[in-house]
Amino acid sequence: MKSISINQTKTANQSQSALNDLEIWLTLVEIDLVIQEIEYFTGDDWLPLCDDIDSGEIYHNWFIWQDREVSQEWEAYDHVTNQRIIYSNLTQLKSRIDAIENHRNLQINN
């Protein structure tokens, strides 16, 4: 009669290692899904993330607000380039946004 010895400690360690690998993989999948969702955020999507901003508005899918506490300047978030632009005057800021959007529309139509 042959007897087979099973090392339960080794088997338990392998099972725990497999569970750890699965948890890491699931975490990476969740992070990837969040990144994919953020890539398509528009100005409306950013509003709930900005609780320190008292007021803002959406202009051509750009989120714009004035930093009244520190710089007094107007800032706009560009969801396409993931950058912000800053001007001291709201009219100048909106003109710059218009110019950027017009340029983008020309590129799309050509």
PDB file of N, CA and C in Angstrom:
ATOM      1  N   MET A   1       0.841  -1.172   0.000  1.00  0.00           N
ATOM      2  CA  MET A   1       0.000   0.000   0.000  1.00  0.00           C
ATOM      3  C   MET A   1       0.887   1.236   0.000  1.00  0.00           C
ATOM      4  N   LYS A   2       0.593   2.137  -0.907  1.00  0.00           N
ATOM      5  CA  LYS A   2       1.331   3.388  -0.992  1.00  0.00           C
ATOM      6  C   LYS A   2       0.587   4.453  -0.201  1.00  0.00           C
ATOM      7  N   SER A   3       1.320   5.255   0.476  1.00  0.00           N
ATOM      8  CA  SER A   3       0.681   6.379   1.167  1.00  0.00           C
ATOM      9  C   SER A   3       1.196   7.675   0.574  1.00  0.00           C
ATOM     10  N   ILE A   4       0.317   8.623   0.476  1.00  0.00           N
ATOM     11  CA  ILE A   4       0.670   9.923  -0.082  1.00  0.00           C
ATOM     12  C   ILE A   4       0.575  10.942   1.036  1.00  0.00           C
ATOM     13  N   SER A   5       1.641  11.670   1.198  1.00  0.00           N
ATOM     14  CA  SER A   5       1.668  12.695   2.234  1.00  0.00           C
ATOM     15  C   SER A   5       1.392  14.054   1.601  1.00  0.00           C
ATOM     16  N   ILE A   6       0.452  14.754   2.144  1.00  0.00           N
ATOM     17  CA  ILE A   6       0.112  16.083   1.647  1.00  0.00           C
ATOM     18  C   ILE A   6       0.553  17.092   2.685  1.00  0.00           C
ATOM     19  N   ASN A   7       1.343  18.017   2.220  1.00  0.00           N
ATOM     20  CA  ASN A   7       1.815  19.069   3.112  1.00  0.00           C
ATOM     21  C   ASN A   7       0.737  20.146   3.157  1.00  0.00           C
ATOM     22  N   GLN A   8      -0.059  20.170   4.239  1.00  0.00           N
ATOM     23  CA  GLN A   8      -1.171  21.099   4.326  1.00  0.00           C
ATOM     24  C   GLN A   8      -0.707  22.544   4.423  1.00  0.00           C
ATOM     25  N   THR A   9       0.438  22.767   5.030  1.00  0.00           N
ATOM     26  CA  THR A   9       0.940  24.134   5.149  1.00  0.00           C
ATOM     27  C   THR A   9       1.276  24.691   3.778  1.00  0.00           C
ATOM     28  N   LYS A  10       1.934  23.866   2.937  1.00  0.00           N
ATOM     29  CA  LYS A  10       2.285  24.307   1.593  1.00  0.00           C
ATOM     30  C   LYS A  10       1.028  24.578   0.766  1.00  0.00           C
ATOM     31  N   THR A  11       0.026  23.692   0.878  1.00  0.00           N
ATOM     32  CA  THR A  11      -1.226  23.867   0.145  1.00  0.00           C
ATOM     33  C   THR A  11      -1.954  25.122   0.604  1.00  0.00           C
ATOM     34  N   ALA A  12      -1.975  25.370   1.901  1.00  0.00           N
ATOM     35  CA  ALA A  12      -2.629  26.570   2.443  1.00  0.00           C
ATOM     36  C   ALA A  12      -1.906  27.823   1.971  1.00  0.00           C
ATOM     37  N   ASN A  13      -0.584  27.788   1.940  1.00  0.00           N
ATOM     38  CA  ASN A  13       0.191  28.944   1.464  1.00  0.00           C
ATOM     39  C   ASN A  13      -0.066  29.209  -0.009  1.00  0.00           C
ATOM     40  N   GLN A  14      -0.171  28.156  -0.806  1.00  0.00           N
ATOM     41  CA  GLN A  14      -0.452  28.325  -2.228  1.00  0.00           C
ATOM     42  C   GLN A  14      -1.852  28.907  -2.429  1.00  0.00           C
ATOM     43  N   SER A  15      -2.819  28.452  -1.633  1.00  0.00           N
ATOM     44  CA  SER A  15      -4.181  28.974  -1.732  1.00  0.00           C
ATOM     45  C   SER A  15      -4.223  30.451  -1.350  1.00  0.00           C
ATOM     46  N   GLN A  16      -3.508  30.802  -0.275  1.00  0.00           N
ATOM     47  CA  GLN A  16      -3.482  32.203   0.156  1.00  0.00           C
ATOM     48  C   GLN A  16      -2.795  33.069  -0.892  1.00  0.00           C
ATOM     49  N   SER A  17      -1.726  32.547  -1.494  1.00  0.00           N
ATOM     50  CA  SER A  17      -1.027  33.274  -2.541  1.00  0.00           C
ATOM     51  C   SER A  17      -1.940  33.495  -3.749  1.00  0.00           C
ATOM     52  N   ALA A  18      -2.711  32.486  -4.117  1.00  0.00           N
ATOM     53  CA  ALA A  18      -3.641  32.616  -5.236  1.00  0.00           C
ATOM     54  C   ALA A  18      -4.715  33.655  -4.916  1.00  0.00           C
ATOM     55  N   LEU A  19      -5.206  33.664  -3.668  1.00  0.00           N
ATOM     56  CA  LEU A  19      -6.204  34.664  -3.270  1.00  0.00           C
ATOM     57  C   LEU A  19      -5.611  36.072  -3.318  1.00  0.00           C
ATOM     58  N   ASN A  20      -4.381  36.222  -2.858  1.00  0.00           N
ATOM     59  CA  ASN A  20      -3.719  37.529  -2.904  1.00  0.00           C
ATOM     60  C   ASN A  20      -3.549  38.007  -4.341  1.00  0.00           C
ATOM     61  N   ASP A  21      -3.137  37.099  -5.219  1.00  0.00           N
ATOM     62  CA  ASP A  21      -2.982  37.456  -6.633  1.00  0.00           C
ATOM     63  C   ASP A  21      -4.317  37.869  -7.244  1.00  0.00           C
ATOM     64  N   LEU A  22      -5.389  37.162  -6.882  1.00  0.00           N
ATOM     65  CA  LEU A  22      -6.715  37.490  -7.389  1.00  0.00           C
ATOM     66  C   LEU A  22      -7.157  38.860  -6.882  1.00  0.00           C
ATOM     67  N   GLU A  23      -6.903  39.168  -5.623  1.00  0.00           N
ATOM     68  CA  GLU A  23      -7.260  40.475  -5.066  1.00  0.00           C
ATOM     69  C   GLU A  23      -6.500  41.600  -5.769  1.00  0.00           C
ATOM     70  N   ILE A  24      -5.219  41.372  -6.022  1.00  0.00           N
ATOM     71  CA  ILE A  24      -4.412  42.379  -6.728  1.00  0.00           C
ATOM     72  C   ILE A  24      -4.965  42.585  -8.132  1.00  0.00           C
ATOM     73  N   TRP A  25      -5.277  41.509  -8.810  1.00  0.00           N
ATOM     74  CA  TRP A  25      -5.806  41.596 -10.168  1.00  0.00           C
ATOM     75  C   TRP A  25      -7.129  42.347 -10.182  1.00  0.00           C
ATOM     76  N   LEU A  26      -8.032  42.031  -9.243  1.00  0.00           N
ATOM     77  CA  LEU A  26      -9.325  42.714  -9.183  1.00  0.00           C
ATOM     78  C   LEU A  26      -9.147  44.202  -8.885  1.00  0.00           C
ATOM     79  N   THR A  27      -8.215  44.540  -8.029  1.00  0.00           N
ATOM     80  CA  THR A  27      -7.939  45.938  -7.724  1.00  0.00           C
ATOM     81  C   THR A  27      -7.457  46.670  -8.971  1.00  0.00           C
ATOM     82  N   LEU A  28      -6.571  46.050  -9.732  1.00  0.00           N
ATOM     83  CA  LEU A  28      -6.074  46.658 -10.967  1.00  0.00           C
ATOM     84  C   LEU A  28      -7.199  46.846 -11.988  1.00  0.00           C
ATOM     85  N   VAL A  29      -8.109  45.883 -12.069  1.00  0.00           N
ATOM     86  CA  VAL A  29      -9.248  46.011 -12.977  1.00  0.00           C
ATOM     87  C   VAL A  29     -10.131  47.185 -12.554  1.00  0.00           C
ATOM     88  N   GLU A  30     -10.383  47.321 -11.249  1.00  0.00           N
ATOM     89  CA  GLU A  30     -11.203  48.430 -10.753  1.00  0.00           C
ATOM     90  C   GLU A  30     -10.546  49.775 -11.056  1.00  0.00           C
ATOM     91  N   ILE A  31      -9.241  49.865 -10.842  1.00  0.00           N
ATOM     92  CA  ILE A  31      -8.518  51.111 -11.127  1.00  0.00           C
ATOM     93  C   ILE A  31      -8.607  51.444 -12.611  1.00  0.00           C
ATOM     94  N   ASP A  32      -8.453  50.439 -13.457  1.00  0.00           N
ATOM     95  CA  ASP A  32      -8.539  50.667 -14.898  1.00  0.00           C
ATOM     96  C   ASP A  32      -9.926  51.169 -15.292  1.00  0.00           C
ATOM     97  N   LEU A  33     -10.978  50.617 -14.688  1.00  0.00           N
ATOM     98  CA  LEU A  33     -12.339  51.070 -14.993  1.00  0.00           C
ATOM     99  C   LEU A  33     -12.544  52.525 -14.566  1.00  0.00           C
ATOM    100  N   VAL A  34     -12.001  52.902 -13.425  1.00  0.00           N
ATOM    101  CA  VAL A  34     -12.114  54.292 -12.967  1.00  0.00           C
ATOM    102  C   VAL A  34     -11.383  55.219 -13.922  1.00  0.00           C
ATOM    103  N   ILE A  35     -10.195  54.839 -14.349  1.00  0.00           N
ATOM    104  CA  ILE A  35      -9.421  55.662 -15.290  1.00  0.00           C
ATOM    105  C   ILE A  35     -10.175  55.826 -16.606  1.00  0.00           C
ATOM    106  N   GLN A  36     -10.757  54.736 -17.101  1.00  0.00           N
ATOM    107  CA  GLN A  36     -11.518  54.827 -18.352  1.00  0.00           C
ATOM    108  C   GLN A  36     -12.711  55.760 -18.207  1.00  0.00           C
ATOM    109  N   GLU A  37     -13.372  55.719 -17.057  1.00  0.00           N
ATOM    110  CA  GLU A  37     -14.531  56.589 -16.839  1.00  0.00           C
ATOM    111  C   GLU A  37     -14.107  58.050 -16.747  1.00  0.00           C
ATOM    112  N   ILE A  38     -13.011  58.328 -16.059  1.00  0.00           N
ATOM    113  CA  ILE A  38     -12.546  59.700 -15.882  1.00  0.00           C
ATOM    114  C   ILE A  38     -12.136  60.318 -17.207  1.00  0.00           C
ATOM    115  N   GLU A  39     -11.621  59.508 -18.137  1.00  0.00           N
ATOM    116  CA  GLU A  39     -11.196  60.030 -19.430  1.00  0.00           C
ATOM    117  C   GLU A  39     -12.338  60.712 -20.183  1.00  0.00           C
ATOM    118  N   TYR A  40     -13.577  60.354 -19.865  1.00  0.00           N
ATOM    119  CA  TYR A  40     -14.715  60.909 -20.582  1.00  0.00           C
ATOM    120  C   TYR A  40     -15.525  61.881 -19.737  1.00  0.00           C
ATOM    121  N   PHE A  41     -14.939  62.353 -18.616  1.00  0.00           N
ATOM    122  CA  PHE A  41     -15.628  63.336 -17.779  1.00  0.00           C
ATOM    123  C   PHE A  41     -15.807  64.636 -18.545  1.00  0.00           C
ATOM    124  N   THR A  42     -16.955  65.255 -18.369  1.00  0.00           N
ATOM    125  CA  THR A  42     -17.174  66.613 -18.858  1.00  0.00           C
ATOM    126  C   THR A  42     -17.222  67.519 -17.635  1.00  0.00           C
ATOM    127  N   GLY A  43     -17.427  68.798 -17.847  1.00  0.00           N
ATOM    128  CA  GLY A  43     -17.448  69.730 -16.728  1.00  0.00           C
ATOM    129  C   GLY A  43     -18.449  69.353 -15.661  1.00  0.00           C
ATOM    130  N   ASP A  44     -19.635  68.865 -16.061  1.00  0.00           N
ATOM    131  CA  ASP A  44     -20.652  68.473 -15.085  1.00  0.00           C
ATOM    132  C   ASP A  44     -20.155  67.369 -14.155  1.00  0.00           C
ATOM    133  N   ASP A  45     -19.347  66.465 -14.674  1.00  0.00           N
ATOM    134  CA  ASP A  45     -18.854  65.359 -13.864  1.00  0.00           C
ATOM    135  C   ASP A  45     -17.864  65.818 -12.791  1.00  0.00           C
ATOM    136  N   TRP A  46     -17.201  66.937 -13.046  1.00  0.00           N
ATOM    137  CA  TRP A  46     -16.205  67.415 -12.085  1.00  0.00           C
ATOM    138  C   TRP A  46     -16.830  68.205 -10.941  1.00  0.00           C
ATOM    139  N   LEU A  47     -18.047  68.723 -11.118  1.00  0.00           N
ATOM    140  CA  LEU A  47     -18.670  69.548 -10.078  1.00  0.00           C
ATOM    141  C   LEU A  47     -18.705  68.875  -8.705  1.00  0.00           C
ATOM    142  N   PRO A  48     -19.161  67.620  -8.577  1.00  0.00           N
ATOM    143  CA  PRO A  48     -19.207  67.025  -7.237  1.00  0.00           C
ATOM    144  C   PRO A  48     -17.834  66.784  -6.625  1.00  0.00           C
ATOM    145  N   LEU A  49     -16.796  66.763  -7.438  1.00  0.00           N
ATOM    146  CA  LEU A  49     -15.453  66.514  -6.930  1.00  0.00           C
ATOM    147  C   LEU A  49     -14.795  67.776  -6.381  1.00  0.00           C
ATOM    148  N   CYS A  50     -15.422  68.908  -6.551  1.00  0.00           N
ATOM    149  CA  CYS A  50     -14.834  70.196  -6.192  1.00  0.00           C
ATOM    150  C   CYS A  50     -15.614  70.842  -5.057  1.00  0.00           C
ATOM    151  N   ASP A  51     -15.594  70.237  -3.854  1.00  0.00           N
ATOM    152  CA  ASP A  51     -16.396  70.784  -2.776  1.00  0.00           C
ATOM    153  C   ASP A  51     -15.824  72.059  -2.182  1.00  0.00           C
ATOM    154  N   ASP A  52     -14.554  72.373  -2.457  1.00  0.00           N
ATOM    155  CA  ASP A  52     -13.992  73.619  -1.931  1.00  0.00           C
ATOM    156  C   ASP A  52     -14.326  74.814  -2.822  1.00  0.00           C
ATOM    157  N   ILE A  53     -14.978  74.574  -3.940  1.00  0.00           N
ATOM    158  CA  ILE A  53     -15.341  75.649  -4.857  1.00  0.00           C
ATOM    159  C   ILE A  53     -16.798  76.024  -4.603  1.00  0.00           C
ATOM    160  N   ASP A  54     -17.021  77.256  -4.215  1.00  0.00           N
ATOM    161  CA  ASP A  54     -18.377  77.689  -3.866  1.00  0.00           C
ATOM    162  C   ASP A  54     -19.304  77.744  -5.064  1.00  0.00           C
ATOM    163  N   SER A  55     -18.790  78.224  -6.162  1.00  0.00           N
ATOM    164  CA  SER A  55     -19.648  78.339  -7.335  1.00  0.00           C
ATOM    165  C   SER A  55     -18.812  78.158  -8.587  1.00  0.00           C
ATOM    166  N   GLY A  56     -19.449  77.709  -9.594  1.00  0.00           N
ATOM    167  CA  GLY A  56     -18.785  77.530 -10.878  1.00  0.00           C
ATOM    168  C   GLY A  56     -19.849  77.428 -11.939  1.00  0.00           C
ATOM    169  N   GLU A  57     -19.416  77.327 -13.154  1.00  0.00           N
ATOM    170  CA  GLU A  57     -20.375  77.182 -14.248  1.00  0.00           C
ATOM    171  C   GLU A  57     -19.757  76.330 -15.335  1.00  0.00           C
ATOM    172  N   ILE A  58     -20.600  75.832 -16.199  1.00  0.00           N
ATOM    173  CA  ILE A  58     -20.157  75.041 -17.335  1.00  0.00           C
ATOM    174  C   ILE A  58     -20.266  75.922 -18.573  1.00  0.00           C
ATOM    175  N   TYR A  59     -19.183  75.975 -19.324  1.00  0.00           N
ATOM    176  CA  TYR A  59     -19.139  76.760 -20.559  1.00  0.00           C
ATOM    177  C   TYR A  59     -18.466  75.903 -21.620  1.00  0.00           C
ATOM    178  N   HIS A  60     -19.197  75.512 -22.651  1.00  0.00           N
ATOM    179  CA  HIS A  60     -18.699  74.609 -23.712  1.00  0.00           C
ATOM    180  C   HIS A  60     -18.057  73.352 -23.122  1.00  0.00           C
ATOM    181  N   ASN A  61     -18.721  72.752 -22.128  1.00  0.00           N
ATOM    182  CA  ASN A  61     -18.227  71.558 -21.425  1.00  0.00           C
ATOM    183  C   ASN A  61     -16.951  71.801 -20.629  1.00  0.00           C
ATOM    184  N   TRP A  62     -16.611  73.028 -20.399  1.00  0.00           N
ATOM    185  CA  TRP A  62     -15.490  73.383 -19.534  1.00  0.00           C
ATOM    186  C   TRP A  62     -16.059  73.791 -18.190  1.00  0.00           C
ATOM    187  N   PHE A  63     -15.428  73.372 -17.122  1.00  0.00           N
ATOM    188  CA  PHE A  63     -15.824  73.818 -15.788  1.00  0.00           C
ATOM    189  C   PHE A  63     -15.009  75.063 -15.467  1.00  0.00           C
ATOM    190  N   ILE A  64     -15.685  76.194 -15.224  1.00  0.00           N
ATOM    191  CA  ILE A  64     -14.971  77.444 -14.916  1.00  0.00           C
ATOM    192  C   ILE A  64     -15.414  77.962 -13.546  1.00  0.00           C
ATOM    193  N   TRP A  65     -14.483  78.563 -12.838  1.00  0.00           N
ATOM    194  CA  TRP A  65     -14.761  79.112 -11.521  1.00  0.00           C
ATOM    195  C   TRP A  65     -13.747  80.204 -11.204  1.00  0.00           C
ATOM    196  N   GLN A  66     -14.065  80.979 -10.188  1.00  0.00           N
ATOM    197  CA  GLN A  66     -13.148  82.026  -9.750  1.00  0.00           C
ATOM    198  C   GLN A  66     -12.580  81.636  -8.393  1.00  0.00           C
ATOM    199  N   ASP A  67     -11.274  81.723  -8.279  1.00  0.00           N
ATOM    200  CA  ASP A  67     -10.600  81.456  -7.009  1.00  0.00           C
ATOM    201  C   ASP A  67     -10.666  82.733  -6.177  1.00  0.00           C
ATOM    202  N   ARG A  68     -11.745  82.911  -5.464  1.00  0.00           N
ATOM    203  CA  ARG A  68     -11.979  84.153  -4.721  1.00  0.00           C
ATOM    204  C   ARG A  68     -11.130  84.259  -3.467  1.00  0.00           C
ATOM    205  N   GLU A  69     -10.706  83.135  -2.921  1.00  0.00           N
ATOM    206  CA  GLU A  69      -9.989  83.149  -1.648  1.00  0.00           C
ATOM    207  C   GLU A  69      -8.506  83.464  -1.788  1.00  0.00           C
ATOM    208  N   VAL A  70      -7.873  83.048  -2.870  1.00  0.00           N
ATOM    209  CA  VAL A  70      -6.428  83.194  -2.970  1.00  0.00           C
ATOM    210  C   VAL A  70      -6.024  84.175  -4.068  1.00  0.00           C
ATOM    211  N   SER A  71      -6.214  83.787  -5.316  1.00  0.00           N
ATOM    212  CA  SER A  71      -5.649  84.572  -6.421  1.00  0.00           C
ATOM    213  C   SER A  71      -6.630  85.551  -7.057  1.00  0.00           C
ATOM    214  N   GLN A  72      -7.907  85.370  -6.831  1.00  0.00           N
ATOM    215  CA  GLN A  72      -8.956  86.172  -7.458  1.00  0.00           C
ATOM    216  C   GLN A  72      -9.040  85.954  -8.967  1.00  0.00           C
ATOM    217  N   GLU A  73      -8.343  84.975  -9.496  1.00  0.00           N
ATOM    218  CA  GLU A  73      -8.318  84.738 -10.938  1.00  0.00           C
ATOM    219  C   GLU A  73      -9.380  83.709 -11.330  1.00  0.00           C
ATOM    220  N   TRP A  74      -9.722  83.740 -12.603  1.00  0.00           N
ATOM    221  CA  TRP A  74     -10.671  82.796 -13.169  1.00  0.00           C
ATOM    222  C   TRP A  74      -9.905  81.597 -13.728  1.00  0.00           C
ATOM    223  N   GLU A  75     -10.410  80.402 -13.453  1.00  0.00           N
ATOM    224  CA  GLU A  75      -9.756  79.184 -13.901  1.00  0.00           C
ATOM    225  C   GLU A  75     -10.769  78.343 -14.672  1.00  0.00           C
ATOM    226  N   ALA A  76     -10.260  77.611 -15.646  1.00  0.00           N
ATOM    227  CA  ALA A  76     -11.117  76.712 -16.430  1.00  0.00           C
ATOM    228  C   ALA A  76     -10.408  75.374 -16.562  1.00  0.00           C
ATOM    229  N   TYR A  77     -11.181  74.306 -16.439  1.00  0.00           N
ATOM    230  CA  TYR A  77     -10.642  72.960 -16.594  1.00  0.00           C
ATOM    231  C   TYR A  77     -11.024  72.427 -17.969  1.00  0.00           C
ATOM    232  N   ASP A  78      -9.997  72.024 -18.731  1.00  0.00           N
ATOM    233  CA  ASP A  78     -10.191  71.452 -20.067  1.00  0.00           C
ATOM    234  C   ASP A  78     -10.154  69.932 -19.943  1.00  0.00           C
ATOM    235  N   HIS A  79     -11.304  69.292 -20.088  1.00  0.00           N
ATOM    236  CA  HIS A  79     -11.375  67.841 -19.942  1.00  0.00           C
ATOM    237  C   HIS A  79     -10.707  67.094 -21.093  1.00  0.00           C
ATOM    238  N   VAL A  80     -10.472  67.758 -22.196  1.00  0.00           N
ATOM    239  CA  VAL A  80      -9.832  67.095 -23.341  1.00  0.00           C
ATOM    240  C   VAL A  80      -8.329  66.925 -23.091  1.00  0.00           C
ATOM    241  N   THR A  81      -7.684  67.987 -22.606  1.00  0.00           N
ATOM    242  CA  THR A  81      -6.238  67.933 -22.371  1.00  0.00           C
ATOM    243  C   THR A  81      -5.875  67.677 -20.912  1.00  0.00           C
ATOM    244  N   ASN A  82      -6.887  67.649 -20.038  1.00  0.00           N
ATOM    245  CA  ASN A  82      -6.676  67.457 -18.604  1.00  0.00           C
ATOM    246  C   ASN A  82      -5.790  68.563 -18.029  1.00  0.00           C
ATOM    247  N   GLN A  83      -5.995  69.784 -18.506  1.00  0.00           N
ATOM    248  CA  GLN A  83      -5.226  70.933 -18.041  1.00  0.00           C
ATOM    249  C   GLN A  83      -6.180  72.049 -17.661  1.00  0.00           C
ATOM    250  N   ARG A  84      -5.649  73.043 -17.012  1.00  0.00           N
ATOM    251  CA  ARG A  84      -6.463  74.209 -16.693  1.00  0.00           C
ATOM    252  C   ARG A  84      -5.790  75.456 -17.243  1.00  0.00           C
ATOM    253  N   ILE A  85      -6.619  76.442 -17.532  1.00  0.00           N
ATOM    254  CA  ILE A  85      -6.104  77.728 -17.979  1.00  0.00           C
ATOM    255  C   ILE A  85      -6.593  78.783 -16.994  1.00  0.00           C
ATOM    256  N   ILE A  86      -5.811  79.830 -16.856  1.00  0.00           N
ATOM    257  CA  ILE A  86      -6.095  80.848 -15.852  1.00  0.00           C
ATOM    258  C   ILE A  86      -6.026  82.226 -16.497  1.00  0.00           C
ATOM    259  N   TYR A  87      -7.025  83.055 -16.213  1.00  0.00           N
ATOM    260  CA  TYR A  87      -7.058  84.454 -16.658  1.00  0.00           C
ATOM    261  C   TYR A  87      -7.588  85.306 -15.513  1.00  0.00           C
ATOM    262  N   SER A  88      -7.231  86.555 -15.512  1.00  0.00           N
ATOM    263  CA  SER A  88      -7.712  87.450 -14.460  1.00  0.00           C
ATOM    264  C   SER A  88      -9.124  87.946 -14.731  1.00  0.00           C
ATOM    265  N   ASN A  89      -9.602  87.770 -15.959  1.00  0.00           N
ATOM    266  CA  ASN A  89     -10.888  88.310 -16.359  1.00  0.00           C
ATOM    267  C   ASN A  89     -11.737  87.205 -16.975  1.00  0.00           C
ATOM    268  N   LEU A  90     -13.012  87.120 -16.579  1.00  0.00           N
ATOM    269  CA  LEU A  90     -13.904  86.079 -17.103  1.00  0.00           C
ATOM    270  C   LEU A  90     -14.114  86.205 -18.605  1.00  0.00           C
ATOM    271  N   THR A  91     -14.222  87.412 -19.105  1.00  0.00           N
ATOM    272  CA  THR A  91     -14.421  87.616 -20.543  1.00  0.00           C
ATOM    273  C   THR A  91     -13.228  87.098 -21.336  1.00  0.00           C
ATOM    274  N   GLN A  92     -12.021  87.381 -20.854  1.00  0.00           N
ATOM    275  CA  GLN A  92     -10.815  86.884 -21.527  1.00  0.00           C
ATOM    276  C   GLN A  92     -10.762  85.358 -21.486  1.00  0.00           C
ATOM    277  N   LEU A  93     -11.147  84.792 -20.354  1.00  0.00           N
ATOM    278  CA  LEU A  93     -11.147  83.336 -20.221  1.00  0.00           C
ATOM    279  C   LEU A  93     -12.117  82.693 -21.214  1.00  0.00           C
ATOM    280  N   LYS A  94     -13.327  83.234 -21.295  1.00  0.00           N
ATOM    281  CA  LYS A  94     -14.305  82.688 -22.233  1.00  0.00           C
ATOM    282  C   LYS A  94     -13.865  82.882 -23.681  1.00  0.00           C
ATOM    283  N   SER A  95     -13.191  83.990 -23.984  1.00  0.00           N
ATOM    284  CA  SER A  95     -12.664  84.199 -25.337  1.00  0.00           C
ATOM    285  C   SER A  95     -11.618  83.147 -25.675  1.00  0.00           C
ATOM    286  N   ARG A  96     -10.774  82.830 -24.718  1.00  0.00           N
ATOM    287  CA  ARG A  96      -9.741  81.812 -24.933  1.00  0.00           C
ATOM    288  C   ARG A  96     -10.393  80.438 -25.148  1.00  0.00           C
ATOM    289  N   ILE A  97     -11.409  80.126 -24.352  1.00  0.00           N
ATOM    290  CA  ILE A  97     -12.133  78.862 -24.526  1.00  0.00           C
ATOM    291  C   ILE A  97     -12.776  78.808 -25.903  1.00  0.00           C
ATOM    292  N   ASP A  98     -13.402  79.906 -26.319  1.00  0.00           N
ATOM    293  CA  ASP A  98     -14.006  79.970 -27.654  1.00  0.00           C
ATOM    294  C   ASP A  98     -12.967  79.702 -28.737  1.00  0.00           C
ATOM    295  N   ALA A  99     -11.800  80.306 -28.609  1.00  0.00           N
ATOM    296  CA  ALA A  99     -10.740  80.113 -29.608  1.00  0.00           C
ATOM    297  C   ALA A  99     -10.291  78.648 -29.652  1.00  0.00           C
ATOM    298  N   ILE A 100     -10.122  78.043 -28.485  1.00  0.00           N
ATOM    299  CA  ILE A 100      -9.707  76.630 -28.432  1.00  0.00           C
ATOM    300  C   ILE A 100     -10.775  75.736 -29.048  1.00  0.00           C
ATOM    301  N   GLU A 101     -12.024  75.971 -28.682  1.00  0.00           N
ATOM    302  CA  GLU A 101     -13.117  75.143 -29.212  1.00  0.00           C
ATOM    303  C   GLU A 101     -13.286  75.341 -30.721  1.00  0.00           C
ATOM    304  N   ASN A 102     -13.146  76.571 -31.208  1.00  0.00           N
ATOM    305  CA  ASN A 102     -13.230  76.829 -32.651  1.00  0.00           C
ATOM    306  C   ASN A 102     -12.127  76.092 -33.395  1.00  0.00           C
ATOM    307  N   HIS A 103     -10.918  76.116 -32.844  1.00  0.00           N
ATOM    308  CA  HIS A 103      -9.792  75.407 -33.457  1.00  0.00           C
ATOM    309  C   HIS A 103     -10.059  73.896 -33.488  1.00  0.00           C
ATOM    310  N   ARG A 104     -10.585  73.361 -32.402  1.00  0.00           N
ATOM    311  CA  ARG A 104     -10.902  71.928 -32.352  1.00  0.00           C
ATOM    312  C   ARG A 104     -11.974  71.575 -33.378  1.00  0.00           C
ATOM    313  N   ASN A 105     -12.977  72.420 -33.478  1.00  0.00           N
ATOM    314  CA  ASN A 105     -14.053  72.153 -34.457  1.00  0.00           C
ATOM    315  C   ASN A 105     -13.537  72.204 -35.885  1.00  0.00           C
ATOM    316  N   LEU A 106     -12.611  73.125 -36.177  1.00  0.00           N
ATOM    317  CA  LEU A 106     -12.019  73.186 -37.521  1.00  0.00           C
ATOM    318  C   LEU A 106     -11.233  71.908 -37.822  1.00  0.00           C
ATOM    319  N   GLN A 107     -10.516  71.394 -36.838  1.00  0.00           N
ATOM    320  CA  GLN A 107      -9.739  70.177 -37.042  1.00  0.00           C
ATOM    321  C   GLN A 107     -10.653  68.981 -37.294  1.00  0.00           C
ATOM    322  N   ILE A 108     -11.777  68.941 -36.602  1.00  0.00           N
ATOM    323  CA  ILE A 108     -12.726  67.836 -36.778  1.00  0.00           C
ATOM    324  C   ILE A 108     -13.371  67.896 -38.168  1.00  0.00           C
ATOM    325  N   ASN A 109     -13.707  69.100 -38.598  1.00  0.00           N
ATOM    326  CA  ASN A 109     -14.403  69.266 -39.880  1.00  0.00           C
ATOM    327  C   ASN A 109     -13.481  69.155 -41.082  1.00  0.00           C
ATOM    328  N   ASN A 110     -12.188  69.232 -40.891  1.00  0.00           N
ATOM    329  CA  ASN A 110     -11.249  69.137 -42.030  1.00  0.00           C
ATOM    330  C   ASN A 110     -10.700  67.757 -42.179  1.00  0.00           C
TER     331      ASN A 110
END
